[in-house]
Amino acid sequence: MKISVAFYVGLATVLLVLLIIAVAVDVSLNVVFILMCLGQLALLIMVYKVLSDNYTTTKTFKDFYQDYNVSETDNYR
């Protein structure tokens, strides 16, 4: 079973938010250091997984945003 890339993004986010909370409530330095190291490791793994994911799409830059239709004559300058 393949683990989704969103899992790695969520894991890194949760670890780093826990780090911020631990610093704010003045948790011991050992716990903060461990959370910092785990967060950095999770961030590196997340970046690797996101960049090496085999994701393809049929969208192009001409499709622009999906929630706003842009005509060919619109000028944004």
Protein backbone atom coordinates (compact mmCIF):
# COMPACT_ATOMS: atom_id res chain seq x y z
CA MET A 1 0.00 0.00 0.00
CA LYS A 2 1.40 3.35 -1.04
CA ILE A 3 1.37 6.08 1.59
CA SER A 4 -0.04 9.33 0.25
CA VAL A 5 2.12 12.43 -0.01
CA ALA A 6 -0.51 14.27 2.03
CA PHE A 7 0.36 12.01 4.98
CA TYR A 8 3.98 13.23 4.94
CA VAL A 9 2.87 16.85 4.64
CA GLY A 10 0.50 16.40 7.57
CA LEU A 11 3.10 14.61 9.67
CA ALA A 12 5.70 17.34 9.17
CA THR A 13 3.12 20.02 9.90
CA VAL A 14 1.93 18.35 13.10
CA LEU A 15 5.48 17.82 14.38
CA LEU A 16 6.48 21.42 13.76
CA VAL A 17 3.27 22.78 15.30
CA LEU A 18 3.93 20.60 18.37
CA LEU A 19 7.41 22.11 18.50
CA ILE A 20 5.97 25.63 18.52
CA ILE A 21 3.49 24.69 21.27
CA ALA A 22 6.24 23.03 23.32
CA VAL A 23 8.38 26.15 23.15
CA ALA A 24 5.43 28.39 24.04
CA VAL A 25 4.51 26.42 27.16
CA ASP A 26 8.15 26.15 28.28
CA VAL A 27 8.64 22.38 27.99
CA SER A 28 12.07 21.01 28.88
CA LEU A 29 14.92 21.54 26.45
CA ASN A 30 15.31 17.80 25.82
CA VAL A 31 11.75 17.46 24.51
CA VAL A 32 12.10 20.61 22.39
CA PHE A 33 15.37 19.36 20.92
CA ILE A 34 13.89 15.95 20.06
CA LEU A 35 10.84 17.56 18.46
CA MET A 36 13.10 19.89 16.50
CA CYS A 37 15.22 17.02 15.16
CA LEU A 38 12.15 14.92 14.31
CA GLY A 39 10.50 17.91 12.63
CA GLN A 40 13.55 18.62 10.49
CA LEU A 41 13.83 14.95 9.52
CA ALA A 42 10.11 14.84 8.67
CA LEU A 43 10.52 18.01 6.60
CA LEU A 44 13.37 16.50 4.58
CA ILE A 45 11.41 13.28 4.02
CA MET A 46 8.36 15.30 3.01
CA VAL A 47 10.32 17.33 0.45
CA TYR A 48 11.83 14.16 -1.02
CA LYS A 49 8.44 12.42 -1.23
CA VAL A 50 6.74 15.44 -2.80
CA LEU A 51 9.47 15.93 -5.41
CA SER A 52 9.78 12.24 -6.27
CA ASP A 53 6.03 11.54 -6.43
CA ASN A 54 4.85 10.24 -9.80
CA TYR A 55 2.07 12.82 -10.26
CA THR A 56 0.85 13.85 -13.69
CA THR A 57 -1.85 16.25 -14.77
CA THR A 58 -3.50 17.32 -17.97
CA LYS A 59 -3.79 20.94 -16.83
CA THR A 60 -1.74 23.64 -18.52
CA PHE A 61 -1.12 27.32 -17.82
CA LYS A 62 -3.88 28.14 -20.31
CA ASP A 63 -6.40 26.48 -17.96
CA PHE A 64 -5.62 29.20 -15.39
CA TYR A 65 -7.68 28.81 -12.21
CA GLN A 66 -10.47 26.27 -12.04
CA ASP A 67 -12.80 28.53 -10.06
CA TYR A 68 -12.49 31.59 -12.34
CA ASN A 69 -12.90 31.50 -16.08
CA VAL A 70 -10.52 33.82 -17.88
CA SER A 71 -11.17 34.76 -21.45
CA GLU A 72 -8.34 35.01 -23.96
CA THR A 73 -8.83 38.78 -24.24
CA ASP A 74 -8.35 39.64 -20.55
CA ASN A 75 -5.28 41.73 -19.87
CA TYR A 76 -3.86 41.78 -16.34
CA ARG A 77 -1.27 44.54 -16.68
